[in-house]
């Protein structure tokens, strides 16, 4: 499948690299299919979550651990079913990041949305954005990232 990315231009991706977000993402409900892209030949710490449905929609994402942050939050039964999760190990958690003029998490110069992480079942290639409140989430910073 051929997709267009504002950052990487035209890219060829296989169908098994598409991640389905059945409920879309808040504010981007019409975008349901995404893929993860990164610059070839470099170790990727930040990926581009590129919409397959809308070329102009893309988000930079990274694992919270890369920013020295550990996130723990519950998923309800409906979310577990939507993700087809059998074990917690099937889930990958990433956060949307953007450049920050100041000093972001762990001195990276990035601003991250820790209160709306993306949860992706890596095997089933299905995801959701988990909107959480402070009462249902444990965030701890780890020294040294």
C-alpha atoms as a PDB file:
ATOM      1  CA  UNK A   1       0.000   0.000   0.000  1.00  0.00           C
ATOM      2  CA  UNK A   2       1.312   3.429  -0.950  1.00  0.00           C
ATOM      3  CA  UNK A   3       0.878   6.235   1.610  1.00  0.00           C
ATOM      4  CA  UNK A   4       1.947   9.862   1.712  1.00  0.00           C
ATOM      5  CA  UNK A   5       3.670  11.407   4.694  1.00  0.00           C
ATOM      6  CA  UNK A   6       4.445  15.120   5.062  1.00  0.00           C
ATOM      7  CA  UNK A   7       7.773  14.206   6.685  1.00  0.00           C
ATOM      8  CA  UNK A   8       8.858  11.134   4.696  1.00  0.00           C
ATOM      9  CA  UNK A   9       7.070  11.706   1.384  1.00  0.00           C
ATOM     10  CA  UNK A  10       5.637   8.721  -0.400  1.00  0.00           C
ATOM     11  CA  UNK A  11       6.175   5.408   1.399  1.00  0.00           C
ATOM     12  CA  UNK A  12       5.295   1.810   0.653  1.00  0.00           C
ATOM     13  CA  UNK A  13       3.898  -0.107   3.638  1.00  0.00           C
ATOM     14  CA  UNK A  14       2.474  -3.580   3.902  1.00  0.00           C
ATOM     15  CA  UNK A  15      -1.047  -4.194   5.232  1.00  0.00           C
ATOM     16  CA  UNK A  16       0.379  -5.977   8.296  1.00  0.00           C
ATOM     17  CA  UNK A  17       2.002  -2.690   9.400  1.00  0.00           C
ATOM     18  CA  UNK A  18      -1.330  -0.883   9.765  1.00  0.00           C
ATOM     19  CA  UNK A  19      -2.621  -0.232  13.272  1.00  0.00           C
ATOM     20  CA  UNK A  20      -6.407   0.119  13.511  1.00  0.00           C
ATOM     21  CA  UNK A  21      -7.817   2.606  16.024  1.00  0.00           C
ATOM     22  CA  UNK A  22     -11.526   1.580  15.962  1.00  0.00           C
ATOM     23  CA  UNK A  23     -12.628   4.733  17.803  1.00  0.00           C
ATOM     24  CA  UNK A  24     -10.140   7.030  16.077  1.00  0.00           C
ATOM     25  CA  UNK A  25      -8.252   9.546  18.170  1.00  0.00           C
ATOM     26  CA  UNK A  26     -10.009  12.428  19.952  1.00  0.00           C
ATOM     27  CA  UNK A  27     -10.296  15.284  17.482  1.00  0.00           C
ATOM     28  CA  UNK A  28      -9.325  12.959  14.611  1.00  0.00           C
ATOM     29  CA  UNK A  29     -12.233  10.503  14.720  1.00  0.00           C
ATOM     30  CA  UNK A  30     -12.172  10.118  10.921  1.00  0.00           C
ATOM     31  CA  UNK A  31      -8.616   8.729  11.070  1.00  0.00           C
ATOM     32  CA  UNK A  32      -8.801   5.074  12.018  1.00  0.00           C
ATOM     33  CA  UNK A  33      -5.741   3.520  10.353  1.00  0.00           C
ATOM     34  CA  UNK A  34      -2.159   4.471  11.187  1.00  0.00           C
ATOM     35  CA  UNK A  35       1.337   3.156  10.668  1.00  0.00           C
ATOM     36  CA  UNK A  36       4.590   3.830  12.495  1.00  0.00           C
ATOM     37  CA  UNK A  37       7.387   5.351  10.419  1.00  0.00           C
ATOM     38  CA  UNK A  38      10.947   6.306  11.262  1.00  0.00           C
ATOM     39  CA  UNK A  39      14.049   7.441   9.469  1.00  0.00           C
ATOM     40  CA  UNK A  40      15.779   4.497   7.809  1.00  0.00           C
ATOM     41  CA  UNK A  41      19.251   3.559   8.977  1.00  0.00           C
ATOM     42  CA  UNK A  42      18.938   5.206  12.384  1.00  0.00           C
ATOM     43  CA  UNK A  43      17.952   3.773  15.719  1.00  0.00           C
ATOM     44  CA  UNK A  44      14.445   5.077  16.323  1.00  0.00           C
ATOM     45  CA  UNK A  45      13.495   6.585  19.661  1.00  0.00           C
ATOM     46  CA  UNK A  46      10.747   8.801  18.292  1.00  0.00           C
ATOM     47  CA  UNK A  47       8.396   7.403  15.656  1.00  0.00           C
ATOM     48  CA  UNK A  48       5.909   9.109  13.393  1.00  0.00           C
ATOM     49  CA  UNK A  49       2.389   7.746  13.872  1.00  0.00           C
ATOM     50  CA  UNK A  50       1.200   8.497  10.347  1.00  0.00           C
ATOM     51  CA  UNK A  51      -2.470   8.365   9.384  1.00  0.00           C
ATOM     52  CA  UNK A  52      -3.110   6.096   6.406  1.00  0.00           C
ATOM     53  CA  UNK A  53      -6.514   7.740   5.903  1.00  0.00           C
ATOM     54  CA  UNK A  54      -5.419  11.410   5.998  1.00  0.00           C
ATOM     55  CA  UNK A  55      -1.850  12.249   4.880  1.00  0.00           C
ATOM     56  CA  UNK A  56      -1.732  15.538   6.817  1.00  0.00           C
ATOM     57  CA  UNK A  57      -2.395  13.815  10.162  1.00  0.00           C
ATOM     58  CA  UNK A  58       0.730  12.551  11.903  1.00  0.00           C
ATOM     59  CA  UNK A  59       1.954  12.495  15.492  1.00  0.00           C
ATOM     60  CA  UNK A  60       5.417  12.015  16.960  1.00  0.00           C
ATOM     61  CA  UNK A  61       5.329   9.244  19.572  1.00  0.00           C
ATOM     62  CA  UNK A  62       7.781   7.567  21.908  1.00  0.00           C
ATOM     63  CA  UNK A  63       7.754   5.117  24.792  1.00  0.00           C
ATOM     64  CA  UNK A  64       7.390   6.982  28.100  1.00  0.00           C
ATOM     65  CA  UNK A  65      10.395   5.057  29.424  1.00  0.00           C
ATOM     66  CA  UNK A  66      12.567   6.843  26.817  1.00  0.00           C
ATOM     67  CA  UNK A  67      11.698  10.044  28.697  1.00  0.00           C
ATOM     68  CA  UNK A  68      12.462   8.538  32.097  1.00  0.00           C
ATOM     69  CA  UNK A  69       8.774   8.143  32.981  1.00  0.00           C
ATOM     70  CA  UNK A  70       6.949   5.036  34.163  1.00  0.00           C
ATOM     71  CA  UNK A  71       3.176   5.016  33.588  1.00  0.00           C
ATOM     72  CA  UNK A  72       0.685   2.663  35.213  1.00  0.00           C
ATOM     73  CA  UNK A  73      -3.038   2.897  34.595  1.00  0.00           C
ATOM     74  CA  UNK A  74      -5.960   0.488  34.478  1.00  0.00           C
ATOM     75  CA  UNK A  75      -7.883  -0.545  31.378  1.00  0.00           C
ATOM     76  CA  UNK A  76     -11.550  -1.362  31.794  1.00  0.00           C
ATOM     77  CA  UNK A  77     -13.137  -4.541  30.401  1.00  0.00           C
ATOM     78  CA  UNK A  78     -14.420  -2.739  27.294  1.00  0.00           C
ATOM     79  CA  UNK A  79     -10.934  -1.401  26.488  1.00  0.00           C
ATOM     80  CA  UNK A  80      -9.332  -4.817  27.014  1.00  0.00           C
ATOM     81  CA  UNK A  81     -11.924  -6.355  24.670  1.00  0.00           C
ATOM     82  CA  UNK A  82     -11.466  -3.601  22.060  1.00  0.00           C
ATOM     83  CA  UNK A  83      -7.711  -4.214  22.097  1.00  0.00           C
ATOM     84  CA  UNK A  84      -8.130  -8.020  22.120  1.00  0.00           C
ATOM     85  CA  UNK A  85      -5.602  -8.178  24.954  1.00  0.00           C
ATOM     86  CA  UNK A  86      -4.844 -11.555  26.473  1.00  0.00           C
ATOM     87  CA  UNK A  87      -1.899 -10.481  28.631  1.00  0.00           C
ATOM     88  CA  UNK A  88      -0.452  -7.101  29.640  1.00  0.00           C
ATOM     89  CA  UNK A  89       2.711  -7.990  27.712  1.00  0.00           C
ATOM     90  CA  UNK A  90       0.719  -7.780  24.450  1.00  0.00           C
ATOM     91  CA  UNK A  91       0.302  -4.034  24.991  1.00  0.00           C
ATOM     92  CA  UNK A  92       2.762  -1.298  24.062  1.00  0.00           C
ATOM     93  CA  UNK A  93       2.275   2.166  25.507  1.00  0.00           C
ATOM     94  CA  UNK A  94       3.470   5.293  23.717  1.00  0.00           C
ATOM     95  CA  UNK A  95       2.882   8.978  24.315  1.00  0.00           C
ATOM     96  CA  UNK A  96       2.456  11.780  21.819  1.00  0.00           C
ATOM     97  CA  UNK A  97       5.359  14.226  21.968  1.00  0.00           C
ATOM     98  CA  UNK A  98       6.204  17.558  20.440  1.00  0.00           C
ATOM     99  CA  UNK A  99       9.219  19.846  20.567  1.00  0.00           C
ATOM    100  CA  UNK A 100       9.349  22.148  23.539  1.00  0.00           C
ATOM    101  CA  UNK A 101      11.232  25.426  23.692  1.00  0.00           C
ATOM    102  CA  UNK A 102      11.995  24.794  27.351  1.00  0.00           C
ATOM    103  CA  UNK A 103      13.323  21.769  29.130  1.00  0.00           C
ATOM    104  CA  UNK A 104      10.809  18.940  28.706  1.00  0.00           C
ATOM    105  CA  UNK A 105      10.717  15.543  30.438  1.00  0.00           C
ATOM    106  CA  UNK A 106      14.099  14.285  31.542  1.00  0.00           C
ATOM    107  CA  UNK A 107      15.870  17.157  29.773  1.00  0.00           C
ATOM    108  CA  UNK A 108      14.944  15.967  26.282  1.00  0.00           C
ATOM    109  CA  UNK A 109      13.393  19.195  25.023  1.00  0.00           C
ATOM    110  CA  UNK A 110      10.139  17.341  24.341  1.00  0.00           C
ATOM    111  CA  UNK A 111       6.664  17.937  25.736  1.00  0.00           C
ATOM    112  CA  UNK A 112       4.705  14.719  26.205  1.00  0.00           C
ATOM    113  CA  UNK A 113       1.004  14.038  26.770  1.00  0.00           C
ATOM    114  CA  UNK A 114       1.177  11.571  29.650  1.00  0.00           C
ATOM    115  CA  UNK A 115      -2.539  11.933  30.418  1.00  0.00           C
ATOM    116  CA  UNK A 116      -3.636  10.505  27.058  1.00  0.00           C
ATOM    117  CA  UNK A 117      -1.251   7.674  26.187  1.00  0.00           C
ATOM    118  CA  UNK A 118      -1.793   5.375  23.226  1.00  0.00           C
ATOM    119  CA  UNK A 119      -2.164   1.671  24.015  1.00  0.00           C
ATOM    120  CA  UNK A 120      -1.429  -0.681  21.122  1.00  0.00           C
ATOM    121  CA  UNK A 121      -1.859  -4.441  20.971  1.00  0.00           C
ATOM    122  CA  UNK A 122       1.287  -5.169  18.963  1.00  0.00           C
ATOM    123  CA  UNK A 123       0.120  -8.599  17.796  1.00  0.00           C
ATOM    124  CA  UNK A 124      -3.442  -7.693  16.805  1.00  0.00           C
ATOM    125  CA  UNK A 125      -2.347  -4.245  15.505  1.00  0.00           C
ATOM    126  CA  UNK A 126      -5.218  -2.446  17.222  1.00  0.00           C
ATOM    127  CA  UNK A 127      -4.993   0.607  19.461  1.00  0.00           C
ATOM    128  CA  UNK A 128      -6.776   3.240  21.471  1.00  0.00           C
ATOM    129  CA  UNK A 129      -6.012   6.511  23.167  1.00  0.00           C
ATOM    130  CA  UNK A 130      -6.606   6.186  26.895  1.00  0.00           C
ATOM    131  CA  UNK A 131      -7.876   9.401  28.426  1.00  0.00           C
ATOM    132  CA  UNK A 132      -7.010   9.205  32.109  1.00  0.00           C
ATOM    133  CA  UNK A 133      -7.301  11.397  35.155  1.00  0.00           C
ATOM    134  CA  UNK A 134      -4.750  11.817  37.874  1.00  0.00           C
ATOM    135  CA  UNK A 135      -6.686   9.591  40.273  1.00  0.00           C
ATOM    136  CA  UNK A 136      -6.391   6.545  38.016  1.00  0.00           C
ATOM    137  CA  UNK A 137      -2.770   6.918  36.981  1.00  0.00           C
ATOM    138  CA  UNK A 138       0.608   6.442  38.593  1.00  0.00           C
ATOM    139  CA  UNK A 139       3.419   8.479  37.035  1.00  0.00           C
ATOM    140  CA  UNK A 140       6.948   8.195  38.385  1.00  0.00           C
ATOM    141  CA  UNK A 141      10.138   9.716  37.056  1.00  0.00           C
ATOM    142  CA  UNK A 142      13.168   7.503  36.867  1.00  0.00           C
ATOM    143  CA  UNK A 143      16.603   9.008  37.143  1.00  0.00           C
ATOM    144  CA  UNK A 144      18.850   8.511  34.161  1.00  0.00           C
ATOM    145  CA  UNK A 145      15.989   7.713  31.729  1.00  0.00           C
END
